[in-house]
Amino acid sequence: MRKTAQAIMNAQIPFTIGNLDFQQLRGSPTLFRREGADEPFEYPKIEEFPDRYAIRCSTDIRPNRFGQIYNYTPTTQQLTFTSPDATYTFNLNKFGNQVIYSTNSPGASVRAPSIVFEDFPGLIQLEMHIPGKKFDQQTDKAEWPEVQINDQVIKHSSTSPALTAPKEKVLQVVINPTDRFSSLGNVTLYLSGCDVYQEYPPGEMHKIDKLVGTMSTDLYLTPDKSYPPGVTNLTIEDGFSDATAVIEFDHDTSKKQVTITIKSFTGAGKLCDIRDFPYLDKYYPNAICIAL
């Protein structure tokens, strides 16, 4: 986790407003806050920030290429937050599909927590506390913004350190035909090219066409929790055409094994590989990790 005066993140990724001292904060311009666990989301406008954290905020919203509305930062602009005690200014400098978040205001900072792995960009937090007031770091750990697992929104733990990034980039793994695969992403990812099934809730198989949550597991390519014989290609892409990954599943029935290979990763994405990881009480094997 980094707490600095500057951080860079994709324009699709919403930010969090951190009102660490529960001030009577009012912001300008009016922001949009995403609500809901699945498409279509709702986006009430927000200009007052009484809570400790206001998550999934953005300066604008726009439809993606699949017709779904999402948070987006379209232009360079300045955010100003005022309270009876202070005024805080954050600069959002847009270049390409990235945004540089920065501040020079006393009591303000930009925090960029990673998700699961230290090299996996996840969240942007614009934080404010009263200048000169002693800041209780233990209180800061008491509450934390959320991540989404399937349709469940949970607290992202600040006490569990991020995992070390793999020393070598893994683009291929060999699994058994009954093994599941998983996913990790920092935006909604859409699936095409073949059928994908998920066992969720446990004991129920559902065909899916997108990955909305931060992480998912119990994924397969057939409803009987396996993979079609031969070669099957799965295309994974974000909704704003920033990056596209093509994943090959080669099921060799004679050897009773499936080879998963990242065949290509094009566009402006920051990371695409295959990893295994634990998170809370669940394990995510053979996870296709994509970060913008």
C-alpha atoms as a PDB file:
ATOM      1  CA  MET A   1       0.000   0.000   0.000  1.00  0.00           C
ATOM      2  CA  ARG A   2       1.276   3.423  -0.970  1.00  0.00           C
ATOM      3  CA  LYS A   3       0.261   6.713   0.652  1.00  0.00           C
ATOM      4  CA  THR A   4       1.674   9.573  -1.387  1.00  0.00           C
ATOM      5  CA  ALA A   5       0.805  12.845  -3.061  1.00  0.00           C
ATOM      6  CA  GLN A   6       0.374  11.157  -6.470  1.00  0.00           C
ATOM      7  CA  ALA A   7      -0.834   7.923  -8.072  1.00  0.00           C
ATOM      8  CA  ILE A   8      -1.800   6.715 -11.554  1.00  0.00           C
ATOM      9  CA  MET A   9      -4.842   4.604 -12.403  1.00  0.00           C
ATOM     10  CA  ASN A  10      -6.958   3.679 -15.428  1.00  0.00           C
ATOM     11  CA  ALA A  11      -9.791   6.124 -16.154  1.00  0.00           C
ATOM     12  CA  GLN A  12     -12.378   3.333 -15.760  1.00  0.00           C
ATOM     13  CA  ILE A  13     -11.513   2.676 -12.140  1.00  0.00           C
ATOM     14  CA  PRO A  14     -13.600   4.684  -9.660  1.00  0.00           C
ATOM     15  CA  PHE A  15     -12.049   6.350  -6.645  1.00  0.00           C
ATOM     16  CA  THR A  16     -12.901   6.467  -2.955  1.00  0.00           C
ATOM     17  CA  ILE A  17     -13.346   9.634  -0.901  1.00  0.00           C
ATOM     18  CA  GLY A  18     -11.825   9.185   2.554  1.00  0.00           C
ATOM     19  CA  ASN A  19     -13.220  11.533   5.201  1.00  0.00           C
ATOM     20  CA  LEU A  20     -10.939  10.270   7.951  1.00  0.00           C
ATOM     21  CA  ASP A  21     -11.996  12.735  10.654  1.00  0.00           C
ATOM     22  CA  PHE A  22     -15.734  12.645   9.819  1.00  0.00           C
ATOM     23  CA  GLN A  23     -15.731  16.295   8.823  1.00  0.00           C
ATOM     24  CA  GLN A  24     -18.724  18.053   7.258  1.00  0.00           C
ATOM     25  CA  LEU A  25     -17.239  17.685   3.792  1.00  0.00           C
ATOM     26  CA  ARG A  26     -18.792  19.125   0.676  1.00  0.00           C
ATOM     27  CA  GLY A  27     -17.325  18.493  -2.765  1.00  0.00           C
ATOM     28  CA  SER A  28     -17.264  20.266  -6.110  1.00  0.00           C
ATOM     29  CA  PRO A  29     -18.023  19.324  -8.824  1.00  0.00           C
ATOM     30  CA  THR A  30     -20.816  16.855  -8.027  1.00  0.00           C
ATOM     31  CA  LEU A  31     -19.643  13.237  -8.275  1.00  0.00           C
ATOM     32  CA  PHE A  32     -21.374  10.010  -9.298  1.00  0.00           C
ATOM     33  CA  ARG A  33     -21.352   7.030  -6.915  1.00  0.00           C
ATOM     34  CA  ARG A  34     -21.935   3.516  -8.246  1.00  0.00           C
ATOM     35  CA  GLU A  35     -24.405   1.362  -6.316  1.00  0.00           C
ATOM     36  CA  GLY A  36     -25.341  -2.286  -6.788  1.00  0.00           C
ATOM     37  CA  ALA A  37     -23.551  -5.611  -7.203  1.00  0.00           C
ATOM     38  CA  ASP A  38     -24.318  -6.264 -10.877  1.00  0.00           C
ATOM     39  CA  GLU A  39     -25.369  -4.537 -14.082  1.00  0.00           C
ATOM     40  CA  PRO A  40     -27.306  -2.350 -14.490  1.00  0.00           C
ATOM     41  CA  PHE A  41     -25.860  -0.195 -11.721  1.00  0.00           C
ATOM     42  CA  GLU A  42     -27.362   2.969 -10.271  1.00  0.00           C
ATOM     43  CA  TYR A  43     -25.431   6.232 -10.056  1.00  0.00           C
ATOM     44  CA  PRO A  44     -26.843   8.769  -7.586  1.00  0.00           C
ATOM     45  CA  LYS A  45     -25.136  12.149  -7.584  1.00  0.00           C
ATOM     46  CA  ILE A  46     -23.175  12.990  -4.455  1.00  0.00           C
ATOM     47  CA  GLU A  47     -21.733  16.263  -3.169  1.00  0.00           C
ATOM     48  CA  GLU A  48     -21.780  15.743   0.596  1.00  0.00           C
ATOM     49  CA  PHE A  49     -19.516  13.175   2.276  1.00  0.00           C
ATOM     50  CA  PRO A  50     -20.494  12.579   5.921  1.00  0.00           C
ATOM     51  CA  ASP A  51     -19.271   8.964   6.055  1.00  0.00           C
ATOM     52  CA  ARG A  52     -15.714   7.785   6.581  1.00  0.00           C
ATOM     53  CA  TYR A  53     -15.567   6.336   3.069  1.00  0.00           C
ATOM     54  CA  ALA A  54     -17.613   7.008  -0.063  1.00  0.00           C
ATOM     55  CA  ILE A  55     -16.650   4.277  -2.512  1.00  0.00           C
ATOM     56  CA  ARG A  56     -16.922   3.890  -6.310  1.00  0.00           C
ATOM     57  CA  CYS A  57     -17.034   7.600  -7.131  1.00  0.00           C
ATOM     58  CA  SER A  58     -16.194   9.294 -10.417  1.00  0.00           C
ATOM     59  CA  THR A  59     -16.505  12.652 -12.108  1.00  0.00           C
ATOM     60  CA  ASP A  60     -18.675  11.228 -14.878  1.00  0.00           C
ATOM     61  CA  ILE A  61     -20.434   8.103 -16.137  1.00  0.00           C
ATOM     62  CA  ARG A  62     -20.687   6.756 -19.675  1.00  0.00           C
ATOM     63  CA  PRO A  63     -21.933   3.693 -21.575  1.00  0.00           C
ATOM     64  CA  ASN A  64     -19.390   1.056 -22.520  1.00  0.00           C
ATOM     65  CA  ARG A  65     -19.433  -0.844 -25.812  1.00  0.00           C
ATOM     66  CA  PHE A  66     -21.868  -3.362 -24.325  1.00  0.00           C
ATOM     67  CA  GLY A  67     -24.394  -0.646 -23.478  1.00  0.00           C
ATOM     68  CA  GLN A  68     -23.775  -0.728 -19.710  1.00  0.00           C
ATOM     69  CA  ILE A  69     -23.171   2.452 -17.715  1.00  0.00           C
ATOM     70  CA  TYR A  70     -19.922   2.671 -15.743  1.00  0.00           C
ATOM     71  CA  ASN A  71     -17.827   5.193 -13.812  1.00  0.00           C
ATOM     72  CA  TYR A  72     -15.395   7.118 -15.996  1.00  0.00           C
ATOM     73  CA  THR A  73     -13.016  10.070 -15.729  1.00  0.00           C
ATOM     74  CA  PRO A  74     -13.164  11.680 -19.193  1.00  0.00           C
ATOM     75  CA  THR A  75     -11.090  14.847 -18.808  1.00  0.00           C
ATOM     76  CA  THR A  76      -8.490  16.633 -16.749  1.00  0.00           C
ATOM     77  CA  GLN A  77     -10.111  18.514 -13.876  1.00  0.00           C
ATOM     78  CA  GLN A  78      -9.819  19.583 -10.245  1.00  0.00           C
ATOM     79  CA  LEU A  79     -11.820  18.349  -7.261  1.00  0.00           C
ATOM     80  CA  THR A  80     -12.326  20.618  -4.255  1.00  0.00           C
ATOM     81  CA  PHE A  81     -13.625  19.539  -0.857  1.00  0.00           C
ATOM     82  CA  THR A  82     -14.445  22.028   1.874  1.00  0.00           C
ATOM     83  CA  SER A  83     -15.262  21.724   5.565  1.00  0.00           C
ATOM     84  CA  PRO A  84     -15.422  24.213   8.434  1.00  0.00           C
ATOM     85  CA  ASP A  85     -11.801  23.289   9.200  1.00  0.00           C
ATOM     86  CA  ALA A  86     -10.076  23.126   5.805  1.00  0.00           C
ATOM     87  CA  THR A  87     -10.159  23.137   2.020  1.00  0.00           C
ATOM     88  CA  TYR A  88      -8.647  20.257   0.054  1.00  0.00           C
ATOM     89  CA  THR A  89      -7.829  20.170  -3.642  1.00  0.00           C
ATOM     90  CA  PHE A  90      -7.090  17.125  -5.816  1.00  0.00           C
ATOM     91  CA  ASN A  91      -5.902  17.330  -9.406  1.00  0.00           C
ATOM     92  CA  LEU A  92      -6.992  14.684 -11.918  1.00  0.00           C
ATOM     93  CA  ASN A  93      -4.716  14.851 -14.949  1.00  0.00           C
ATOM     94  CA  LYS A  94      -6.053  12.701 -17.800  1.00  0.00           C
ATOM     95  CA  PHE A  95      -3.686  11.346 -20.456  1.00  0.00           C
ATOM     96  CA  GLY A  96      -4.823   8.605 -22.804  1.00  0.00           C
ATOM     97  CA  ASN A  97      -6.759   6.074 -20.740  1.00  0.00           C
ATOM     98  CA  GLN A  98      -4.864   6.894 -17.533  1.00  0.00           C
ATOM     99  CA  VAL A  99      -5.408   9.477 -14.794  1.00  0.00           C
ATOM    100  CA  ILE A 100      -2.749  10.962 -12.511  1.00  0.00           C
ATOM    101  CA  TYR A 101      -4.269  11.765  -9.109  1.00  0.00           C
ATOM    102  CA  SER A 102      -2.307  14.327  -7.074  1.00  0.00           C
ATOM    103  CA  THR A 103      -2.651  16.822  -4.231  1.00  0.00           C
ATOM    104  CA  ASN A 104      -0.557  19.418  -2.431  1.00  0.00           C
ATOM    105  CA  SER A 105      -3.187  20.334   0.153  1.00  0.00           C
ATOM    106  CA  PRO A 106      -2.266  20.071   3.851  1.00  0.00           C
ATOM    107  CA  GLY A 107      -4.052  17.104   5.409  1.00  0.00           C
ATOM    108  CA  ALA A 108      -4.753  15.500   2.018  1.00  0.00           C
ATOM    109  CA  SER A 109      -3.155  12.441   0.456  1.00  0.00           C
ATOM    110  CA  VAL A 110      -3.616   9.929  -2.342  1.00  0.00           C
ATOM    111  CA  ARG A 111      -3.576   6.262  -1.390  1.00  0.00           C
ATOM    112  CA  ALA A 112      -3.234   3.418  -3.906  1.00  0.00           C
ATOM    113  CA  PRO A 113      -3.836   0.055  -2.189  1.00  0.00           C
ATOM    114  CA  SER A 114      -3.078  -3.061  -4.209  1.00  0.00           C
ATOM    115  CA  ILE A 115      -5.492  -5.989  -4.471  1.00  0.00           C
ATOM    116  CA  VAL A 116      -4.144  -9.380  -3.363  1.00  0.00           C
ATOM    117  CA  PHE A 117      -0.717  -8.875  -5.004  1.00  0.00           C
ATOM    118  CA  GLU A 118       1.601  -5.928  -4.474  1.00  0.00           C
ATOM    119  CA  ASP A 119       1.915  -5.400  -8.248  1.00  0.00           C
ATOM    120  CA  PHE A 120      -1.833  -5.584  -8.943  1.00  0.00           C
ATOM    121  CA  PRO A 121      -3.374  -2.079  -9.153  1.00  0.00           C
ATOM    122  CA  GLY A 122      -6.713  -1.969  -7.453  1.00  0.00           C
ATOM    123  CA  LEU A 123      -7.978   1.127  -5.684  1.00  0.00           C
ATOM    124  CA  ILE A 124      -7.549   4.884  -5.543  1.00  0.00           C
ATOM    125  CA  GLN A 125      -8.397   6.743  -2.337  1.00  0.00           C
ATOM    126  CA  LEU A 126      -8.486  10.519  -1.963  1.00  0.00           C
ATOM    127  CA  GLU A 127      -8.094  11.003   1.774  1.00  0.00           C
ATOM    128  CA  MET A 128      -8.535  14.032   4.006  1.00  0.00           C
ATOM    129  CA  HIS A 129      -7.966  14.710   7.678  1.00  0.00           C
ATOM    130  CA  ILE A 130      -7.860  17.959   9.642  1.00  0.00           C
ATOM    131  CA  PRO A 131      -4.410  19.578   9.183  1.00  0.00           C
ATOM    132  CA  GLY A 132      -2.374  19.594  12.382  1.00  0.00           C
ATOM    133  CA  LYS A 133      -4.644  17.141  14.151  1.00  0.00           C
ATOM    134  CA  LYS A 134      -2.963  14.003  15.462  1.00  0.00           C
ATOM    135  CA  PHE A 135      -4.005  11.151  13.215  1.00  0.00           C
ATOM    136  CA  ASP A 136      -4.812   7.790  14.805  1.00  0.00           C
ATOM    137  CA  GLN A 137      -3.386   5.107  12.502  1.00  0.00           C
ATOM    138  CA  GLN A 138      -5.177   2.390  14.457  1.00  0.00           C
ATOM    139  CA  THR A 139      -8.503   4.080  13.800  1.00  0.00           C
ATOM    140  CA  ASP A 140      -7.573   4.269  10.135  1.00  0.00           C
ATOM    141  CA  LYS A 141      -7.338   0.477  10.063  1.00  0.00           C
ATOM    142  CA  ALA A 142     -10.762   0.028  11.626  1.00  0.00           C
ATOM    143  CA  GLU A 143     -12.607   0.597   8.362  1.00  0.00           C
ATOM    144  CA  TRP A 144     -11.546  -0.095   4.792  1.00  0.00           C
ATOM    145  CA  PRO A 145     -13.065   0.136   1.323  1.00  0.00           C
ATOM    146  CA  GLU A 146     -14.670  -2.903  -0.247  1.00  0.00           C
ATOM    147  CA  VAL A 147     -13.807  -5.445  -2.906  1.00  0.00           C
ATOM    148  CA  GLN A 148     -16.383  -7.600  -4.645  1.00  0.00           C
ATOM    149  CA  ILE A 149     -16.272 -11.410  -4.755  1.00  0.00           C
ATOM    150  CA  ASN A 150     -18.984 -12.727  -7.072  1.00  0.00           C
ATOM    151  CA  ASP A 151     -22.056 -10.810  -5.864  1.00  0.00           C
ATOM    152  CA  GLN A 152     -20.752 -10.258  -2.330  1.00  0.00           C
ATOM    153  CA  VAL A 153     -19.167  -6.930  -1.326  1.00  0.00           C
ATOM    154  CA  ILE A 154     -16.710  -7.318   1.548  1.00  0.00           C
ATOM    155  CA  LYS A 155     -14.196  -5.191   3.418  1.00  0.00           C
ATOM    156  CA  HIS A 156     -10.718  -5.162   1.891  1.00  0.00           C
ATOM    157  CA  SER A 157      -8.423  -5.907   4.817  1.00  0.00           C
ATOM    158  CA  SER A 158      -5.677  -3.403   5.573  1.00  0.00           C
ATOM    159  CA  THR A 159      -4.032  -5.680   8.115  1.00  0.00           C
ATOM    160  CA  SER A 160      -3.223  -8.496   5.668  1.00  0.00           C
ATOM    161  CA  PRO A 161      -0.200  -7.525   3.575  1.00  0.00           C
ATOM    162  CA  ALA A 162      -0.384  -7.912  -0.188  1.00  0.00           C
ATOM    163  CA  LEU A 163       1.267 -11.017  -1.586  1.00  0.00           C
ATOM    164  CA  THR A 164       4.659 -10.674  -3.225  1.00  0.00           C
ATOM    165  CA  ALA A 165       4.466 -10.518  -7.008  1.00  0.00           C
ATOM    166  CA  PRO A 166       5.585 -13.719  -8.759  1.00  0.00           C
ATOM    167  CA  LYS A 167       9.249 -13.708  -9.721  1.00  0.00           C
ATOM    168  CA  GLU A 168       8.443 -15.157 -13.131  1.00  0.00           C
ATOM    169  CA  LYS A 169       5.490 -14.384 -15.389  1.00  0.00           C
ATOM    170  CA  VAL A 170       3.394 -17.525 -15.886  1.00  0.00           C
ATOM    171  CA  LEU A 171       1.522 -17.677 -19.190  1.00  0.00           C
ATOM    172  CA  GLN A 172       0.718 -21.411 -19.235  1.00  0.00           C
ATOM    173  CA  VAL A 173      -0.434 -24.042 -16.750  1.00  0.00           C
ATOM    174  CA  VAL A 174      -1.483 -27.684 -17.074  1.00  0.00           C
ATOM    175  CA  ILE A 175      -4.467 -28.852 -15.031  1.00  0.00           C
ATOM    176  CA  ASN A 176      -6.720 -31.883 -14.685  1.00  0.00           C
ATOM    177  CA  PRO A 177      -9.974 -31.867 -16.709  1.00  0.00           C
ATOM    178  CA  THR A 178     -11.956 -31.578 -13.466  1.00  0.00           C
ATOM    179  CA  ASP A 179      -9.936 -28.669 -12.030  1.00  0.00           C
ATOM    180  CA  ARG A 180     -11.469 -25.222 -11.845  1.00  0.00           C
ATOM    181  CA  PHE A 181      -9.973 -21.944 -12.954  1.00  0.00           C
ATOM    182  CA  SER A 182     -10.370 -18.491 -11.427  1.00  0.00           C
ATOM    183  CA  SER A 183     -10.105 -14.801 -12.244  1.00  0.00           C
ATOM    184  CA  LEU A 184      -8.757 -11.570 -10.765  1.00  0.00           C
ATOM    185  CA  GLY A 185      -9.474  -8.180 -12.319  1.00  0.00           C
ATOM    186  CA  ASN A 186      -9.754  -4.508 -11.480  1.00  0.00           C
ATOM    187  CA  VAL A 187     -12.611  -3.740 -13.928  1.00  0.00           C
ATOM    188  CA  THR A 188     -15.597  -5.666 -15.264  1.00  0.00           C
ATOM    189  CA  LEU A 189     -14.436  -8.190 -17.878  1.00  0.00           C
ATOM    190  CA  TYR A 190     -16.620  -9.590 -20.665  1.00  0.00           C
ATOM    191  CA  LEU A 191     -16.354 -13.161 -21.978  1.00  0.00           C
ATOM    192  CA  SER A 192     -16.851 -14.380 -25.557  1.00  0.00           C
ATOM    193  CA  GLY A 193     -15.731 -17.077 -27.968  1.00  0.00           C
ATOM    194  CA  CYS A 194     -17.006 -19.999 -25.889  1.00  0.00           C
ATOM    195  CA  ASP A 195     -19.334 -20.872 -23.031  1.00  0.00           C
ATOM    196  CA  VAL A 196     -18.147 -20.284 -19.461  1.00  0.00           C
ATOM    197  CA  TYR A 197     -19.844 -21.768 -16.421  1.00  0.00           C
ATOM    198  CA  GLN A 198     -19.511 -20.985 -12.726  1.00  0.00           C
ATOM    199  CA  GLU A 199     -20.509 -23.058  -9.749  1.00  0.00           C
ATOM    200  CA  TYR A 200     -22.049 -20.369  -7.580  1.00  0.00           C
ATOM    201  CA  PRO A 201     -23.698 -20.729  -5.147  1.00  0.00           C
ATOM    202  CA  PRO A 202     -22.120 -24.112  -4.320  1.00  0.00           C
ATOM    203  CA  GLY A 203     -23.993 -26.912  -6.070  1.00  0.00           C
ATOM    204  CA  GLU A 204     -25.502 -24.638  -8.744  1.00  0.00           C
ATOM    205  CA  MET A 205     -23.971 -24.234 -12.227  1.00  0.00           C
ATOM    206  CA  HIS A 206     -24.710 -21.075 -14.197  1.00  0.00           C
ATOM    207  CA  LYS A 207     -23.564 -19.896 -17.617  1.00  0.00           C
ATOM    208  CA  ILE A 208     -21.919 -16.462 -17.358  1.00  0.00           C
ATOM    209  CA  ASP A 209     -20.832 -13.855 -19.906  1.00  0.00           C
ATOM    210  CA  LYS A 210     -18.949 -11.427 -17.691  1.00  0.00           C
ATOM    211  CA  LEU A 211     -16.826 -11.142 -14.551  1.00  0.00           C
ATOM    212  CA  VAL A 212     -18.149  -8.220 -12.507  1.00  0.00           C
ATOM    213  CA  GLY A 213     -16.477  -8.860  -9.171  1.00  0.00           C
ATOM    214  CA  THR A 214     -12.855  -8.326  -8.243  1.00  0.00           C
ATOM    215  CA  MET A 215     -12.257 -12.084  -8.064  1.00  0.00           C
ATOM    216  CA  SER A 216     -14.132 -15.273  -8.960  1.00  0.00           C
ATOM    217  CA  THR A 217     -13.456 -18.998  -8.926  1.00  0.00           C
ATOM    218  CA  ASP A 218     -15.151 -22.352  -9.626  1.00  0.00           C
ATOM    219  CA  LEU A 219     -15.075 -21.555 -13.366  1.00  0.00           C
ATOM    220  CA  TYR A 220     -15.285 -24.181 -16.133  1.00  0.00           C
ATOM    221  CA  LEU A 221     -16.084 -24.363 -19.853  1.00  0.00           C
ATOM    222  CA  THR A 222     -18.766 -27.070 -19.636  1.00  0.00           C
ATOM    223  CA  PRO A 223     -21.753 -27.430 -17.295  1.00  0.00           C
ATOM    224  CA  ASP A 224     -20.438 -30.774 -16.003  1.00  0.00           C
ATOM    225  CA  LYS A 225     -17.415 -28.970 -14.502  1.00  0.00           C
ATOM    226  CA  SER A 226     -14.897 -29.785 -17.245  1.00  0.00           C
ATOM    227  CA  TYR A 227     -13.625 -28.568 -20.640  1.00  0.00           C
ATOM    228  CA  PRO A 228     -14.532 -29.435 -24.256  1.00  0.00           C
ATOM    229  CA  PRO A 229     -12.171 -31.882 -26.040  1.00  0.00           C
ATOM    230  CA  GLY A 230      -9.573 -30.215 -28.246  1.00  0.00           C
ATOM    231  CA  VAL A 231      -8.759 -26.515 -28.455  1.00  0.00           C
ATOM    232  CA  THR A 232     -11.162 -23.825 -27.224  1.00  0.00           C
ATOM    233  CA  ASN A 233     -10.408 -20.096 -27.255  1.00  0.00           C
ATOM    234  CA  LEU A 234     -11.859 -17.681 -24.696  1.00  0.00           C
ATOM    235  CA  THR A 235     -11.700 -13.918 -25.309  1.00  0.00           C
ATOM    236  CA  ILE A 236     -11.686 -11.642 -22.261  1.00  0.00           C
ATOM    237  CA  GLU A 237     -12.028  -7.878 -22.731  1.00  0.00           C
ATOM    238  CA  ASP A 238     -12.998  -4.778 -20.821  1.00  0.00           C
ATOM    239  CA  GLY A 239     -15.960  -2.632 -21.806  1.00  0.00           C
ATOM    240  CA  PHE A 240     -14.004   0.332 -23.165  1.00  0.00           C
ATOM    241  CA  SER A 241     -11.621  -1.543 -25.506  1.00  0.00           C
ATOM    242  CA  ASP A 242      -8.536  -0.810 -23.412  1.00  0.00           C
ATOM    243  CA  ALA A 243      -7.280  -4.410 -23.439  1.00  0.00           C
ATOM    244  CA  THR A 244      -8.136  -7.866 -24.822  1.00  0.00           C
ATOM    245  CA  ALA A 245      -6.792 -11.262 -23.771  1.00  0.00           C
ATOM    246  CA  VAL A 246      -7.194 -14.510 -25.714  1.00  0.00           C
ATOM    247  CA  ILE A 247      -6.950 -17.629 -23.550  1.00  0.00           C
ATOM    248  CA  GLU A 248      -6.522 -21.091 -25.086  1.00  0.00           C
ATOM    249  CA  PHE A 249      -7.822 -24.234 -23.362  1.00  0.00           C
ATOM    250  CA  ASP A 250      -6.340 -27.369 -24.953  1.00  0.00           C
ATOM    251  CA  HIS A 251      -8.042 -30.471 -23.574  1.00  0.00           C
ATOM    252  CA  ASP A 252      -5.999 -33.546 -24.508  1.00  0.00           C
ATOM    253  CA  THR A 253      -8.395 -36.381 -23.680  1.00  0.00           C
ATOM    254  CA  SER A 254      -5.738 -39.035 -24.280  1.00  0.00           C
ATOM    255  CA  LYS A 255      -3.508 -37.535 -21.590  1.00  0.00           C
ATOM    256  CA  LYS A 256      -6.432 -36.440 -19.424  1.00  0.00           C
ATOM    257  CA  GLN A 257      -5.065 -32.926 -19.061  1.00  0.00           C
ATOM    258  CA  VAL A 258      -5.973 -29.373 -20.013  1.00  0.00           C
ATOM    259  CA  THR A 259      -3.332 -26.806 -20.954  1.00  0.00           C
ATOM    260  CA  ILE A 260      -4.371 -23.202 -20.287  1.00  0.00           C
ATOM    261  CA  THR A 261      -2.313 -20.671 -22.279  1.00  0.00           C
ATOM    262  CA  ILE A 262      -2.484 -16.900 -22.569  1.00  0.00           C
ATOM    263  CA  LYS A 263      -2.129 -16.640 -26.342  1.00  0.00           C
ATOM    264  CA  SER A 264      -2.239 -12.857 -26.551  1.00  0.00           C
ATOM    265  CA  PHE A 265      -2.800  -9.714 -24.517  1.00  0.00           C
ATOM    266  CA  THR A 266      -3.245  -6.561 -26.580  1.00  0.00           C
ATOM    267  CA  GLY A 267      -4.064  -2.950 -25.806  1.00  0.00           C
ATOM    268  CA  ALA A 268      -3.092  -0.762 -22.872  1.00  0.00           C
ATOM    269  CA  GLY A 269      -3.440  -3.229 -20.024  1.00  0.00           C
ATOM    270  CA  LYS A 270      -0.812  -3.328 -17.259  1.00  0.00           C
ATOM    271  CA  LEU A 271      -0.809  -7.016 -16.372  1.00  0.00           C
ATOM    272  CA  CYS A 272      -1.997 -10.388 -17.681  1.00  0.00           C
ATOM    273  CA  ASP A 273      -0.780 -13.743 -16.352  1.00  0.00           C
ATOM    274  CA  ILE A 274      -1.864 -16.858 -14.445  1.00  0.00           C
ATOM    275  CA  ARG A 275      -1.527 -17.106 -10.663  1.00  0.00           C
ATOM    276  CA  ASP A 276      -2.765 -19.037  -7.625  1.00  0.00           C
ATOM    277  CA  PHE A 277      -3.683 -17.176  -4.450  1.00  0.00           C
ATOM    278  CA  PRO A 278      -5.628 -17.405  -1.188  1.00  0.00           C
ATOM    279  CA  TYR A 279      -8.021 -14.668  -0.151  1.00  0.00           C
ATOM    280  CA  LEU A 280      -9.834 -14.776   3.183  1.00  0.00           C
ATOM    281  CA  ASP A 281     -11.131 -18.345   3.557  1.00  0.00           C
ATOM    282  CA  LYS A 282     -11.054 -19.347  -0.124  1.00  0.00           C
ATOM    283  CA  TYR A 283      -8.378 -20.446  -2.593  1.00  0.00           C
ATOM    284  CA  TYR A 284      -8.247 -19.197  -6.182  1.00  0.00           C
ATOM    285  CA  PRO A 285      -6.288 -21.639  -8.371  1.00  0.00           C
ATOM    286  CA  ASN A 286      -5.310 -21.082 -12.007  1.00  0.00           C
ATOM    287  CA  ALA A 287      -6.481 -17.480 -11.862  1.00  0.00           C
ATOM    288  CA  ILE A 288      -6.378 -15.481 -15.069  1.00  0.00           C
ATOM    289  CA  CYS A 289      -5.240 -12.097 -13.751  1.00  0.00           C
ATOM    290  CA  ILE A 290      -5.947  -8.983 -15.816  1.00  0.00           C
ATOM    291  CA  ALA A 291      -5.259  -5.424 -14.639  1.00  0.00           C
ATOM    292  CA  LEU A 292      -5.743  -2.169 -16.483  1.00  0.00           C
END
